[in-house]
């Protein structure tokens, strides 16, 4: 009899807790949206530690929210947890296989681990669903560059730029691919166009510095480099250029040779 009463008490307690979680005004639809927006705002503002805490709290309450899982995966990637990011993107894909963003996000995490073919497959899947998805095109181009397939990379950067004409980094990357392929005139024209439109765009100025120096135009190279140093000092870091920004080998080597003469 005592055991029966204990079981009844436990059942009543569980029913009370379930009722509290799903009926209480604390977890109304508007409150759920507020929790999601708060985590998203923290992510956008760069408060990654706080954002991760908020996504964790949100997902404790709503574990099957694919968008939240994908967003938490992005934060994990930024914080250096590539494997954890992939786990979250996998879960998001299983919950909502038709949404393309988790495939792109997983591909970026796979790239960070050097899993080029897995990343390529994710981007190809997205492109098969949306041939003008500039993010998938651009990231696929980066993978091709990492595999030294620079003609393919150049074509993909061009497609990404066509899909999003304001995507300056795609145009700069296309010019860098041309530089690597020896298409120096095309590269120079594109870089100068970019700088005219975006005078503070460090990537294009750094690339033009290397190109002009390689052609013996030292005065203009030095002028562009002065601007680059004020805009973004990372361009003096060869490891960052190759592994993070993913520049091709030739412009990277030319820029490092130029810097060595300073």
Protein backbone atom coordinates (compact mmCIF):
# COMPACT_ATOMS: atom_id res chain seq x y z
CA UNK A 1 0.00 0.00 0.00
CA UNK A 2 2.85 2.35 0.90
CA UNK A 3 4.59 1.57 -2.40
CA UNK A 4 1.34 2.19 -4.26
CA UNK A 5 0.99 5.58 -2.60
CA UNK A 6 4.61 6.44 -3.47
CA UNK A 7 4.01 5.56 -7.14
CA UNK A 8 0.86 7.66 -7.18
CA UNK A 9 2.76 10.53 -5.58
CA UNK A 10 5.52 10.28 -8.22
CA UNK A 11 2.97 10.21 -11.04
CA UNK A 12 1.23 13.26 -9.63
CA UNK A 13 4.59 15.06 -9.32
CA UNK A 14 5.52 14.25 -12.92
CA UNK A 15 2.09 15.38 -14.14
CA UNK A 16 2.48 18.61 -12.18
CA UNK A 17 5.89 19.30 -13.68
CA UNK A 18 4.71 18.56 -17.23
CA UNK A 19 1.72 20.81 -16.67
CA UNK A 20 4.00 23.54 -15.36
CA UNK A 21 6.39 23.33 -18.33
CA UNK A 22 3.77 23.39 -21.03
CA UNK A 23 0.97 25.45 -19.52
CA UNK A 24 2.73 28.02 -17.38
CA UNK A 25 2.80 31.55 -18.86
CA UNK A 26 6.59 31.44 -18.30
CA UNK A 27 6.83 29.32 -21.45
CA UNK A 28 4.29 30.99 -23.68
CA UNK A 29 4.98 31.42 -27.40
CA UNK A 30 6.02 35.04 -26.92
CA UNK A 31 8.45 34.05 -24.16
CA UNK A 32 9.93 31.37 -26.40
CA UNK A 33 10.45 33.95 -29.15
CA UNK A 34 12.04 36.32 -26.65
CA UNK A 35 14.49 33.64 -25.49
CA UNK A 36 15.41 32.85 -29.08
CA UNK A 37 15.87 36.52 -30.01
CA UNK A 38 18.00 37.15 -26.95
CA UNK A 39 20.36 34.30 -27.84
CA UNK A 40 20.44 35.49 -31.45
CA UNK A 41 21.21 39.09 -30.43
CA UNK A 42 24.07 37.93 -28.21
CA UNK A 43 25.42 35.88 -31.11
CA UNK A 44 25.23 38.85 -33.50
CA UNK A 45 26.88 41.21 -31.03
CA UNK A 46 29.85 38.91 -30.52
CA UNK A 47 29.11 37.95 -26.90
CA UNK A 48 29.84 34.33 -27.75
CA UNK A 49 30.21 32.92 -24.23
CA UNK A 50 26.92 34.45 -23.14
CA UNK A 51 25.32 33.44 -26.43
CA UNK A 52 26.35 29.83 -25.91
CA UNK A 53 24.86 29.86 -22.42
CA UNK A 54 21.60 31.25 -23.78
CA UNK A 55 21.40 28.70 -26.60
CA UNK A 56 22.06 25.94 -24.07
CA UNK A 57 19.24 27.20 -21.87
CA UNK A 58 16.89 27.55 -24.82
CA UNK A 59 17.65 24.05 -26.11
CA UNK A 60 17.11 22.52 -22.68
CA UNK A 61 13.51 23.71 -23.06
CA UNK A 62 13.12 23.19 -26.82
CA UNK A 63 15.59 20.46 -27.85
CA UNK A 64 14.01 19.88 -31.27
CA UNK A 65 14.40 23.41 -32.59
CA UNK A 66 16.56 22.94 -35.71
CA UNK A 67 17.29 26.66 -36.14
CA UNK A 68 18.51 26.95 -32.54
CA UNK A 69 20.73 23.90 -32.92
CA UNK A 70 22.28 25.32 -36.08
CA UNK A 71 22.85 28.69 -34.43
CA UNK A 72 24.44 27.07 -31.39
CA UNK A 73 26.64 25.07 -33.74
CA UNK A 74 27.86 28.30 -35.31
CA UNK A 75 28.78 29.69 -31.89
CA UNK A 76 30.63 26.48 -31.01
CA UNK A 77 32.62 26.83 -34.24
CA UNK A 78 33.57 30.43 -33.47
CA UNK A 79 34.71 29.28 -30.03
CA UNK A 80 36.92 26.56 -31.50
CA UNK A 81 34.69 23.52 -31.02
CA UNK A 82 34.44 22.32 -34.62
CA UNK A 83 33.42 18.79 -33.68
CA UNK A 84 30.66 20.06 -31.39
CA UNK A 85 29.50 22.37 -34.16
CA UNK A 86 29.17 19.46 -36.58
CA UNK A 87 27.16 17.47 -34.02
CA UNK A 88 24.68 20.34 -33.71
CA UNK A 89 24.44 20.80 -37.48
CA UNK A 90 23.84 17.05 -37.90
CA UNK A 91 20.96 17.25 -35.44
CA UNK A 92 19.51 20.29 -37.20
CA UNK A 93 19.68 18.50 -40.57
CA UNK A 94 17.98 15.41 -39.16
CA UNK A 95 15.17 17.57 -37.78
CA UNK A 96 14.75 19.75 -40.88
CA UNK A 97 16.51 18.15 -43.89
CA UNK A 98 15.06 20.64 -46.38
CA UNK A 99 16.66 23.71 -44.75
CA UNK A 100 19.97 24.46 -46.50
CA UNK A 101 21.68 26.67 -43.90
CA UNK A 102 22.79 23.80 -41.62
CA UNK A 103 24.49 22.15 -44.61
CA UNK A 104 26.45 25.34 -45.28
CA UNK A 105 27.26 25.74 -41.59
CA UNK A 106 28.39 22.12 -41.33
CA UNK A 107 30.54 22.56 -44.43
CA UNK A 108 32.31 25.53 -42.84
CA UNK A 109 32.97 23.48 -39.68
CA UNK A 110 34.28 20.61 -41.82
CA UNK A 111 36.59 23.02 -43.64
CA UNK A 112 38.05 24.13 -40.32
CA UNK A 113 39.09 20.50 -39.75
CA UNK A 114 40.45 20.08 -43.27
CA UNK A 115 37.62 17.73 -44.24
CA UNK A 116 37.54 19.13 -47.74
CA UNK A 117 35.53 16.41 -49.48
CA UNK A 118 32.82 16.35 -46.81
CA UNK A 119 32.55 20.13 -47.00
CA UNK A 120 32.45 19.96 -50.80
CA UNK A 121 29.57 17.46 -50.67
CA UNK A 122 27.59 19.72 -48.35
CA UNK A 123 28.06 22.73 -50.64
CA UNK A 124 27.21 20.69 -53.73
CA UNK A 125 23.99 19.57 -52.06
CA UNK A 126 23.00 23.18 -51.38
CA UNK A 127 23.87 24.22 -54.94
CA UNK A 128 21.76 21.32 -56.27
CA UNK A 129 18.81 22.84 -54.39
CA UNK A 130 19.67 26.49 -55.11
CA UNK A 131 22.16 27.06 -57.93
CA UNK A 132 22.49 30.77 -57.06
CA UNK A 133 23.26 30.31 -53.36
CA UNK A 134 26.24 32.66 -53.18
CA UNK A 135 27.37 31.42 -49.77
CA UNK A 136 27.60 27.80 -50.95
CA UNK A 137 29.29 28.90 -54.18
CA UNK A 138 31.84 31.01 -52.32
CA UNK A 139 32.67 28.36 -49.74
CA UNK A 140 32.87 25.66 -52.40
CA UNK A 141 35.35 27.92 -54.22
CA UNK A 142 37.45 28.13 -51.07
CA UNK A 143 37.50 24.34 -50.85
CA UNK A 144 38.63 24.09 -54.48
CA UNK A 145 41.37 26.61 -53.74
CA UNK A 146 42.51 24.60 -50.73
CA UNK A 147 42.78 21.60 -53.06
CA UNK A 148 44.78 23.77 -55.52
CA UNK A 149 42.01 23.58 -58.13
CA UNK A 150 42.39 27.27 -58.91
CA UNK A 151 40.61 27.39 -62.27
CA UNK A 152 37.54 25.78 -60.71
CA UNK A 153 37.85 28.10 -57.72
CA UNK A 154 38.08 31.14 -59.99
CA UNK A 155 34.90 30.14 -61.84
CA UNK A 156 33.00 29.53 -58.60
CA UNK A 157 34.11 32.88 -57.13
CA UNK A 158 32.82 34.50 -60.32
CA UNK A 159 29.45 32.75 -59.96
CA UNK A 160 29.24 33.79 -56.30
CA UNK A 161 29.92 37.38 -57.31
CA UNK A 162 27.27 37.23 -60.05
CA UNK A 163 24.75 35.85 -57.55
CA UNK A 164 25.52 38.67 -55.12
CA UNK A 165 27.10 41.66 -56.92
CA UNK A 166 27.80 43.43 -53.64
CA UNK A 167 29.86 40.51 -52.33
CA UNK A 168 33.25 42.22 -52.55
CA UNK A 169 35.22 39.35 -51.01
CA UNK A 170 34.09 37.01 -53.80
CA UNK A 171 35.38 39.47 -56.40
CA UNK A 172 38.66 39.91 -54.57
CA UNK A 173 39.05 36.14 -54.28
CA UNK A 174 38.36 35.80 -58.01
CA UNK A 175 41.11 38.35 -58.71
CA UNK A 176 43.48 36.44 -56.44
CA UNK A 177 42.68 33.20 -58.29
CA UNK A 178 43.45 34.99 -61.57
CA UNK A 179 46.73 36.15 -60.00
CA UNK A 180 47.59 32.55 -59.11
CA UNK A 181 46.68 31.39 -62.63
CA UNK A 182 48.90 34.05 -64.23
CA UNK A 183 46.05 36.21 -65.53
CA UNK A 184 47.73 39.32 -64.19
CA UNK A 185 45.97 41.96 -66.31
CA UNK A 186 42.50 40.63 -65.42
CA UNK A 187 43.48 40.45 -61.75
CA UNK A 188 44.84 44.00 -61.71
CA UNK A 189 41.75 45.45 -63.43
CA UNK A 190 39.39 43.77 -60.96
CA UNK A 191 41.40 44.81 -57.90
CA UNK A 192 41.53 48.44 -59.04
CA UNK A 193 37.76 48.42 -59.67
CA UNK A 194 37.20 47.10 -56.16
CA UNK A 195 39.43 49.75 -54.59
CA UNK A 196 37.70 52.54 -56.49
CA UNK A 197 34.35 51.33 -55.18
CA UNK A 198 35.55 50.29 -51.71
CA UNK A 199 38.61 52.44 -50.84
CA UNK A 200 38.97 50.88 -47.36
CA UNK A 201 38.80 47.26 -48.56
CA UNK A 202 42.05 45.85 -47.16
CA UNK A 203 41.95 42.54 -49.03
CA UNK A 204 41.97 44.13 -52.48
CA UNK A 205 44.66 46.65 -51.48
CA UNK A 206 46.90 43.91 -50.06
CA UNK A 207 46.47 41.83 -53.22
CA UNK A 208 47.25 44.85 -55.40
CA UNK A 209 50.32 45.56 -53.27
CA UNK A 210 51.69 42.10 -54.07
CA UNK A 211 50.75 42.31 -57.75
CA UNK A 212 52.25 45.78 -58.29
CA UNK A 213 55.44 44.82 -56.48
CA UNK A 214 55.74 41.67 -58.63
CA UNK A 215 55.50 43.93 -61.72
CA UNK A 216 58.13 46.34 -60.37
CA UNK A 217 55.65 49.16 -59.62
CA UNK A 218 57.12 49.73 -56.17
CA UNK A 219 55.80 53.23 -55.46
CA UNK A 220 52.15 52.28 -55.88
CA UNK A 221 52.73 49.02 -54.01
CA UNK A 222 54.11 50.93 -51.03
CA UNK A 223 51.19 53.37 -51.05
CA UNK A 224 48.66 50.57 -51.01
CA UNK A 225 50.54 48.76 -48.24
CA UNK A 226 50.52 51.84 -46.01
CA UNK A 227 46.73 51.82 -46.29
CA UNK A 228 46.54 48.06 -45.59
CA UNK A 229 48.57 48.36 -42.38
CA UNK A 230 46.18 50.98 -41.08
CA UNK A 231 43.11 48.97 -42.09
CA UNK A 232 44.02 45.39 -41.09
CA UNK A 233 47.39 44.29 -39.73
CA UNK A 234 46.61 40.58 -40.25
CA UNK A 235 47.71 40.81 -43.87
CA UNK A 236 51.31 40.80 -42.71
CA UNK A 237 50.79 37.33 -41.19
CA UNK A 238 51.59 34.62 -43.74
CA UNK A 239 49.96 31.85 -41.69
CA UNK A 240 46.74 33.83 -41.38
CA UNK A 241 46.72 34.61 -45.10
CA UNK A 242 47.06 30.96 -46.12
CA UNK A 243 45.09 29.14 -43.41
CA UNK A 244 42.37 31.61 -42.47
CA UNK A 245 41.89 34.03 -45.36
CA UNK A 246 42.89 31.23 -47.77
CA UNK A 247 44.94 33.25 -50.25
CA UNK A 248 46.66 31.38 -53.11
CA UNK A 249 50.36 30.62 -52.82
CA UNK A 250 51.74 33.00 -55.46
CA UNK A 251 50.23 36.29 -54.22
CA UNK A 252 51.03 35.26 -50.64
CA UNK A 253 54.69 34.66 -51.45
CA UNK A 254 54.92 37.93 -53.42
CA UNK A 255 53.41 39.90 -50.54
CA UNK A 256 55.77 38.30 -48.02
CA UNK A 257 58.76 39.14 -50.24
CA UNK A 258 57.56 42.75 -50.45
CA UNK A 259 57.15 42.97 -46.67
CA UNK A 260 60.63 41.49 -46.11
CA UNK A 261 62.12 44.49 -47.95
CA UNK A 262 60.47 47.08 -45.65
